[in-house]
Amino acid sequence: MPAPTQAEHREARALALLRELGAGQLDHPGGTLLAHLERVHARLGVWGARPELRLAGLCHAFYGTDGFATALLPVGRRAELAAVIGAGAEEIVYFYASCDRAASYPTLAADDPAGADAAGAGAGAGAADNEAVSSVAPAFRDRFTGHVHSPDRQSRRDFAELSAANELDLARIDPAFRAAHGPGLLSLFTRLRGLLTEPAWRDCQAVLGGTAP
């Protein structure tokens, strides 16, 4: 039997820590928080995400999020999670958790032609408006510190992919959530399309557009 890979070892340790901190007892749509995290991890794997991003998907709620206030660890203990899943995966977790969504979502794909075109089309804007949108630098607000910065493209791609995996799981598992938030999420991911992988975008269309089984 082959030895576990580094990613598999880190995944096992992450699952043990999640259970230790009570993720298996926290209510969440579709069952427990742990079950949700495992589904997000699996969905990222189906989409072909690299090990760091899949680990971040498994651990994305450790510090809470702008949409889920319960935290398993305070951000002052980031080093503990990094020791389990690696610094790269932990950085993705922090980036995801720290997003002030209302402040950050509008410009996440501002420098992407596909995002600018989608935003312009949704607003009925002309070519001049699209050009203005695409010239705005992405502005990301950290809800923990209040710091605003312009993250690199890879960070935004990871964020968009993880966001899609998270929100699509909720939409698949909870018809009421899908009915209430599906149109808004489809609009969001249409704007972020240039940051998403093709498998993620297809799932967005299928689940939020109403064609998923």
C-alpha atoms as a PDB file:
ATOM      1  CA  MET A   1       0.000   0.000   0.000  1.00  0.00           C
ATOM      2  CA  PRO A   2       1.550   3.347  -1.037  1.00  0.00           C
ATOM      3  CA  ALA A   3       2.391   5.889   1.643  1.00  0.00           C
ATOM      4  CA  PRO A   4      -0.012   8.845   1.961  1.00  0.00           C
ATOM      5  CA  THR A   5       0.913  11.913  -0.034  1.00  0.00           C
ATOM      6  CA  GLN A   6       1.636  15.174   1.781  1.00  0.00           C
ATOM      7  CA  ALA A   7      -1.800  16.452   0.762  1.00  0.00           C
ATOM      8  CA  GLU A   8      -3.507  13.318   2.106  1.00  0.00           C
ATOM      9  CA  HIS A   9      -1.568  13.588   5.365  1.00  0.00           C
ATOM     10  CA  ARG A  10      -2.564  17.224   5.754  1.00  0.00           C
ATOM     11  CA  GLU A  11      -6.175  16.413   4.920  1.00  0.00           C
ATOM     12  CA  ALA A  12      -6.281  13.738   7.626  1.00  0.00           C
ATOM     13  CA  ARG A  13      -4.817  16.150  10.177  1.00  0.00           C
ATOM     14  CA  ALA A  14      -7.248  18.875   9.129  1.00  0.00           C
ATOM     15  CA  LEU A  15     -10.204  16.524   9.559  1.00  0.00           C
ATOM     16  CA  ALA A  16      -8.961  15.532  12.996  1.00  0.00           C
ATOM     17  CA  LEU A  17      -8.660  19.198  14.006  1.00  0.00           C
ATOM     18  CA  LEU A  18     -12.120  19.991  12.632  1.00  0.00           C
ATOM     19  CA  ARG A  19     -13.612  17.182  14.691  1.00  0.00           C
ATOM     20  CA  GLU A  20     -11.654  18.247  17.779  1.00  0.00           C
ATOM     21  CA  LEU A  21     -13.007  21.791  17.470  1.00  0.00           C
ATOM     22  CA  GLY A  22     -16.594  20.634  17.099  1.00  0.00           C
ATOM     23  CA  ALA A  23     -17.320  21.093  13.386  1.00  0.00           C
ATOM     24  CA  GLY A  24     -19.175  17.792  13.405  1.00  0.00           C
ATOM     25  CA  GLN A  25     -21.649  19.137  15.984  1.00  0.00           C
ATOM     26  CA  LEU A  26     -22.333  22.559  14.431  1.00  0.00           C
ATOM     27  CA  ASP A  27     -25.616  22.781  12.539  1.00  0.00           C
ATOM     28  CA  HIS A  28     -25.342  23.816   8.902  1.00  0.00           C
ATOM     29  CA  PRO A  29     -27.633  23.473   5.868  1.00  0.00           C
ATOM     30  CA  GLY A  30     -27.543  19.844   4.809  1.00  0.00           C
ATOM     31  CA  GLY A  31     -26.489  18.550   8.220  1.00  0.00           C
ATOM     32  CA  THR A  32     -23.339  19.717   9.963  1.00  0.00           C
ATOM     33  CA  LEU A  33     -20.573  22.190   9.210  1.00  0.00           C
ATOM     34  CA  LEU A  34     -18.146  19.296   8.822  1.00  0.00           C
ATOM     35  CA  ALA A  35     -20.339  17.618   6.205  1.00  0.00           C
ATOM     36  CA  HIS A  36     -20.544  20.907   4.281  1.00  0.00           C
ATOM     37  CA  LEU A  37     -16.769  21.375   4.386  1.00  0.00           C
ATOM     38  CA  GLU A  38     -16.204  17.848   3.126  1.00  0.00           C
ATOM     39  CA  ARG A  39     -18.616  18.423   0.237  1.00  0.00           C
ATOM     40  CA  VAL A  40     -16.852  21.671  -0.711  1.00  0.00           C
ATOM     41  CA  HIS A  41     -13.497  19.849  -0.612  1.00  0.00           C
ATOM     42  CA  ALA A  42     -14.900  17.094  -2.846  1.00  0.00           C
ATOM     43  CA  ARG A  43     -16.417  19.560  -5.334  1.00  0.00           C
ATOM     44  CA  LEU A  44     -13.107  21.377  -5.726  1.00  0.00           C
ATOM     45  CA  GLY A  45     -11.519  18.002  -6.430  1.00  0.00           C
ATOM     46  CA  VAL A  46     -14.097  17.292  -9.150  1.00  0.00           C
ATOM     47  CA  TRP A  47     -13.189  20.631 -10.712  1.00  0.00           C
ATOM     48  CA  GLY A  48      -9.498  19.693 -10.733  1.00  0.00           C
ATOM     49  CA  ALA A  49      -8.312  22.147  -8.071  1.00  0.00           C
ATOM     50  CA  ARG A  50      -4.737  21.802  -6.835  1.00  0.00           C
ATOM     51  CA  PRO A  51      -4.149  20.288  -3.365  1.00  0.00           C
ATOM     52  CA  GLU A  52      -3.665  23.654  -1.610  1.00  0.00           C
ATOM     53  CA  LEU A  53      -7.011  24.942  -2.799  1.00  0.00           C
ATOM     54  CA  ARG A  54      -8.802  21.699  -1.928  1.00  0.00           C
ATOM     55  CA  LEU A  55      -7.354  21.875   1.601  1.00  0.00           C
ATOM     56  CA  ALA A  56      -8.481  25.483   1.857  1.00  0.00           C
ATOM     57  CA  GLY A  57     -11.960  24.360   0.823  1.00  0.00           C
ATOM     58  CA  LEU A  58     -11.991  21.803   3.619  1.00  0.00           C
ATOM     59  CA  CYS A  59     -10.913  24.469   6.123  1.00  0.00           C
ATOM     60  CA  HIS A  60     -12.533  27.609   4.728  1.00  0.00           C
ATOM     61  CA  ALA A  61     -14.751  28.234   7.773  1.00  0.00           C
ATOM     62  CA  PHE A  62     -12.029  28.038  10.442  1.00  0.00           C
ATOM     63  CA  TYR A  63     -12.067  31.811  11.056  1.00  0.00           C
ATOM     64  CA  GLY A  64     -15.734  32.264  10.174  1.00  0.00           C
ATOM     65  CA  THR A  65     -16.736  34.182   7.056  1.00  0.00           C
ATOM     66  CA  ASP A  66     -18.711  37.274   6.176  1.00  0.00           C
ATOM     67  CA  GLY A  67     -21.680  34.937   5.700  1.00  0.00           C
ATOM     68  CA  PHE A  68     -21.072  32.510   8.606  1.00  0.00           C
ATOM     69  CA  ALA A  69     -20.086  34.157  11.861  1.00  0.00           C
ATOM     70  CA  THR A  70     -19.117  31.048  13.843  1.00  0.00           C
ATOM     71  CA  ALA A  71     -15.326  30.627  14.001  1.00  0.00           C
ATOM     72  CA  LEU A  72     -13.486  27.476  15.017  1.00  0.00           C
ATOM     73  CA  LEU A  73     -10.281  29.411  15.677  1.00  0.00           C
ATOM     74  CA  PRO A  74      -9.613  33.132  16.205  1.00  0.00           C
ATOM     75  CA  VAL A  75      -7.424  34.773  13.575  1.00  0.00           C
ATOM     76  CA  GLY A  76      -4.812  35.313  16.263  1.00  0.00           C
ATOM     77  CA  ARG A  77      -4.126  31.576  16.073  1.00  0.00           C
ATOM     78  CA  ARG A  78      -3.450  31.356  12.338  1.00  0.00           C
ATOM     79  CA  ALA A  79      -0.110  29.645  12.956  1.00  0.00           C
ATOM     80  CA  GLU A  80      -1.915  26.615  14.396  1.00  0.00           C
ATOM     81  CA  LEU A  81      -3.881  26.026  11.217  1.00  0.00           C
ATOM     82  CA  ALA A  82      -0.838  26.727   9.035  1.00  0.00           C
ATOM     83  CA  ALA A  83       1.072  24.031  10.920  1.00  0.00           C
ATOM     84  CA  VAL A  84      -1.631  21.529   9.966  1.00  0.00           C
ATOM     85  CA  ILE A  85      -2.435  22.384   6.324  1.00  0.00           C
ATOM     86  CA  GLY A  86       0.609  24.369   5.230  1.00  0.00           C
ATOM     87  CA  ALA A  87       1.169  28.109   4.856  1.00  0.00           C
ATOM     88  CA  GLY A  88      -0.150  28.310   1.291  1.00  0.00           C
ATOM     89  CA  ALA A  89      -3.502  26.691   2.045  1.00  0.00           C
ATOM     90  CA  GLU A  90      -3.878  28.712   5.252  1.00  0.00           C
ATOM     91  CA  GLU A  91      -3.316  31.946   3.336  1.00  0.00           C
ATOM     92  CA  ILE A  92      -6.228  31.028   1.049  1.00  0.00           C
ATOM     93  CA  VAL A  93      -8.396  30.284   4.099  1.00  0.00           C
ATOM     94  CA  TYR A  94      -7.546  33.642   5.649  1.00  0.00           C
ATOM     95  CA  PHE A  95      -8.122  35.518   2.391  1.00  0.00           C
ATOM     96  CA  TYR A  96     -11.530  33.886   1.996  1.00  0.00           C
ATOM     97  CA  ALA A  97     -12.525  34.456   5.616  1.00  0.00           C
ATOM     98  CA  SER A  98     -11.339  38.056   5.667  1.00  0.00           C
ATOM     99  CA  CYS A  99     -13.382  39.220   2.686  1.00  0.00           C
ATOM    100  CA  ASP A 100     -15.772  42.083   3.352  1.00  0.00           C
ATOM    101  CA  ARG A 101     -18.141  40.932   0.645  1.00  0.00           C
ATOM    102  CA  ALA A 102     -20.172  44.108   0.220  1.00  0.00           C
ATOM    103  CA  ALA A 103     -17.006  46.164  -0.216  1.00  0.00           C
ATOM    104  CA  SER A 104     -14.998  43.646  -2.249  1.00  0.00           C
ATOM    105  CA  TYR A 105     -17.360  41.836  -4.604  1.00  0.00           C
ATOM    106  CA  PRO A 106     -18.019  44.771  -6.972  1.00  0.00           C
ATOM    107  CA  THR A 107     -14.406  45.043  -8.173  1.00  0.00           C
ATOM    108  CA  LEU A 108     -12.982  41.526  -7.762  1.00  0.00           C
ATOM    109  CA  ALA A 109     -12.999  41.012 -11.538  1.00  0.00           C
ATOM    110  CA  ALA A 110     -12.683  44.672 -12.469  1.00  0.00           C
ATOM    111  CA  ASP A 111      -9.490  44.167 -14.476  1.00  0.00           C
ATOM    112  CA  ASP A 112     -10.868  41.130 -16.303  1.00  0.00           C
ATOM    113  CA  PRO A 113     -12.454  41.705 -19.748  1.00  0.00           C
ATOM    114  CA  ALA A 114     -15.078  38.998 -19.198  1.00  0.00           C
ATOM    115  CA  GLY A 115     -16.052  40.483 -15.838  1.00  0.00           C
ATOM    116  CA  ALA A 116     -16.198  43.980 -17.248  1.00  0.00           C
ATOM    117  CA  ASP A 117     -18.344  42.848 -20.177  1.00  0.00           C
ATOM    118  CA  ALA A 118     -20.731  41.012 -17.861  1.00  0.00           C
ATOM    119  CA  ALA A 119     -21.015  43.978 -15.525  1.00  0.00           C
ATOM    120  CA  GLY A 120     -21.652  46.331 -18.404  1.00  0.00           C
ATOM    121  CA  ALA A 121     -24.241  44.055 -19.972  1.00  0.00           C
ATOM    122  CA  GLY A 122     -26.047  43.634 -16.660  1.00  0.00           C
ATOM    123  CA  ALA A 123     -26.220  47.386 -16.175  1.00  0.00           C
ATOM    124  CA  GLY A 124     -27.157  48.138 -19.772  1.00  0.00           C
ATOM    125  CA  ALA A 125     -23.927  50.099 -20.129  1.00  0.00           C
ATOM    126  CA  GLY A 126     -22.187  50.990 -23.347  1.00  0.00           C
ATOM    127  CA  ALA A 127     -18.616  50.397 -24.445  1.00  0.00           C
ATOM    128  CA  ALA A 128     -17.398  53.492 -22.625  1.00  0.00           C
ATOM    129  CA  ASP A 129     -18.811  52.194 -19.345  1.00  0.00           C
ATOM    130  CA  ASN A 130     -17.181  48.805 -19.901  1.00  0.00           C
ATOM    131  CA  GLU A 131     -13.851  50.512 -20.464  1.00  0.00           C
ATOM    132  CA  ALA A 132     -14.252  52.437 -17.214  1.00  0.00           C
ATOM    133  CA  VAL A 133     -15.088  49.293 -15.261  1.00  0.00           C
ATOM    134  CA  SER A 134     -12.114  47.387 -16.649  1.00  0.00           C
ATOM    135  CA  SER A 135      -9.725  50.204 -15.723  1.00  0.00           C
ATOM    136  CA  VAL A 136     -10.595  50.044 -12.012  1.00  0.00           C
ATOM    137  CA  ALA A 137      -8.110  48.081  -9.908  1.00  0.00           C
ATOM    138  CA  PRO A 138      -9.640  45.320  -7.776  1.00  0.00           C
ATOM    139  CA  ALA A 139     -10.176  46.597  -4.226  1.00  0.00           C
ATOM    140  CA  PHE A 140     -10.354  43.957  -1.489  1.00  0.00           C
ATOM    141  CA  ARG A 141     -11.294  44.986   2.060  1.00  0.00           C
ATOM    142  CA  ASP A 142     -10.102  42.811   4.940  1.00  0.00           C
ATOM    143  CA  ARG A 143     -13.018  42.722   7.389  1.00  0.00           C
ATOM    144  CA  PHE A 144     -10.699  41.827  10.288  1.00  0.00           C
ATOM    145  CA  THR A 145      -8.263  44.719   9.869  1.00  0.00           C
ATOM    146  CA  GLY A 146     -10.095  47.213   7.640  1.00  0.00           C
ATOM    147  CA  HIS A 147      -7.118  47.207   5.259  1.00  0.00           C
ATOM    148  CA  VAL A 148      -7.937  47.684   1.563  1.00  0.00           C
ATOM    149  CA  HIS A 149      -5.578  46.340  -1.076  1.00  0.00           C
ATOM    150  CA  SER A 150      -5.503  45.073  -4.648  1.00  0.00           C
ATOM    151  CA  PRO A 151      -4.877  41.300  -4.549  1.00  0.00           C
ATOM    152  CA  ASP A 152      -3.053  39.448  -7.296  1.00  0.00           C
ATOM    153  CA  ARG A 153      -4.968  37.480  -9.901  1.00  0.00           C
ATOM    154  CA  GLN A 154      -4.165  34.029  -8.478  1.00  0.00           C
ATOM    155  CA  SER A 155      -5.551  35.015  -5.080  1.00  0.00           C
ATOM    156  CA  ARG A 156      -8.735  36.220  -6.740  1.00  0.00           C
ATOM    157  CA  ARG A 157      -9.025  33.066  -8.850  1.00  0.00           C
ATOM    158  CA  ASP A 158      -8.707  30.915  -5.730  1.00  0.00           C
ATOM    159  CA  PHE A 159     -11.267  33.077  -3.951  1.00  0.00           C
ATOM    160  CA  ALA A 160     -13.745  32.880  -6.830  1.00  0.00           C
ATOM    161  CA  GLU A 161     -13.377  29.101  -7.173  1.00  0.00           C
ATOM    162  CA  LEU A 162     -13.796  28.522  -3.437  1.00  0.00           C
ATOM    163  CA  SER A 163     -16.745  30.906  -3.314  1.00  0.00           C
ATOM    164  CA  ALA A 164     -18.441  28.996  -6.124  1.00  0.00           C
ATOM    165  CA  ALA A 165     -17.849  25.621  -4.456  1.00  0.00           C
ATOM    166  CA  ASN A 166     -19.237  26.951  -1.176  1.00  0.00           C
ATOM    167  CA  GLU A 167     -22.310  28.712  -2.526  1.00  0.00           C
ATOM    168  CA  LEU A 168     -23.191  25.949  -4.998  1.00  0.00           C
ATOM    169  CA  ASP A 169     -23.143  23.391  -2.204  1.00  0.00           C
ATOM    170  CA  LEU A 170     -25.663  25.475  -0.270  1.00  0.00           C
ATOM    171  CA  ALA A 171     -27.782  25.949  -3.382  1.00  0.00           C
ATOM    172  CA  ARG A 172     -27.765  22.216  -4.162  1.00  0.00           C
ATOM    173  CA  ILE A 173     -28.638  21.171  -0.635  1.00  0.00           C
ATOM    174  CA  ASP A 174     -31.220  23.832   0.276  1.00  0.00           C
ATOM    175  CA  PRO A 175     -34.029  24.690  -2.203  1.00  0.00           C
ATOM    176  CA  ALA A 176     -35.082  27.682  -0.102  1.00  0.00           C
ATOM    177  CA  PHE A 177     -31.548  29.095  -0.234  1.00  0.00           C
ATOM    178  CA  ARG A 178     -31.436  28.541  -3.994  1.00  0.00           C
ATOM    179  CA  ALA A 179     -34.788  30.263  -4.500  1.00  0.00           C
ATOM    180  CA  ALA A 180     -33.802  33.262  -2.368  1.00  0.00           C
ATOM    181  CA  HIS A 181     -30.200  33.708  -3.467  1.00  0.00           C
ATOM    182  CA  GLY A 182     -29.793  31.849  -6.758  1.00  0.00           C
ATOM    183  CA  PRO A 183     -30.385  34.803  -9.113  1.00  0.00           C
ATOM    184  CA  GLY A 184     -28.002  37.053  -7.190  1.00  0.00           C
ATOM    185  CA  LEU A 185     -25.324  34.366  -7.057  1.00  0.00           C
ATOM    186  CA  LEU A 186     -25.657  33.665 -10.768  1.00  0.00           C
ATOM    187  CA  SER A 187     -25.186  37.378 -11.422  1.00  0.00           C
ATOM    188  CA  LEU A 188     -22.121  37.420  -9.142  1.00  0.00           C
ATOM    189  CA  PHE A 189     -20.468  34.410 -10.759  1.00  0.00           C
ATOM    190  CA  THR A 190     -21.265  35.743 -14.217  1.00  0.00           C
ATOM    191  CA  ARG A 191     -19.232  38.824 -13.292  1.00  0.00           C
ATOM    192  CA  LEU A 192     -16.480  36.571 -11.915  1.00  0.00           C
ATOM    193  CA  ARG A 193     -16.561  34.205 -14.885  1.00  0.00           C
ATOM    194  CA  GLY A 194     -13.076  35.160 -16.054  1.00  0.00           C
ATOM    195  CA  LEU A 195     -11.688  34.072 -12.676  1.00  0.00           C
ATOM    196  CA  LEU A 196     -13.460  30.697 -12.636  1.00  0.00           C
ATOM    197  CA  THR A 197     -12.348  27.434 -14.201  1.00  0.00           C
ATOM    198  CA  GLU A 198     -14.598  26.078 -16.931  1.00  0.00           C
ATOM    199  CA  PRO A 199     -15.919  23.195 -14.753  1.00  0.00           C
ATOM    200  CA  ALA A 200     -16.839  25.656 -11.989  1.00  0.00           C
ATOM    201  CA  TRP A 201     -18.601  27.966 -14.429  1.00  0.00           C
ATOM    202  CA  ARG A 202     -20.571  25.067 -15.945  1.00  0.00           C
ATOM    203  CA  ASP A 203     -21.737  24.066 -12.462  1.00  0.00           C
ATOM    204  CA  CYS A 204     -22.751  27.658 -11.724  1.00  0.00           C
ATOM    205  CA  GLN A 205     -24.936  27.663 -14.811  1.00  0.00           C
ATOM    206  CA  ALA A 206     -26.388  24.224 -14.059  1.00  0.00           C
ATOM    207  CA  VAL A 207     -27.164  24.739 -10.369  1.00  0.00           C
ATOM    208  CA  LEU A 208     -28.110  28.409 -10.335  1.00  0.00           C
ATOM    209  CA  GLY A 209     -29.634  28.418 -13.796  1.00  0.00           C
ATOM    210  CA  GLY A 210     -31.956  25.594 -12.840  1.00  0.00           C
ATOM    211  CA  THR A 211     -30.656  22.783 -15.065  1.00  0.00           C
ATOM    212  CA  ALA A 212     -28.934  20.667 -12.387  1.00  0.00           C
ATOM    213  CA  PRO A 213     -30.540  17.318 -11.504  1.00  0.00           C
END
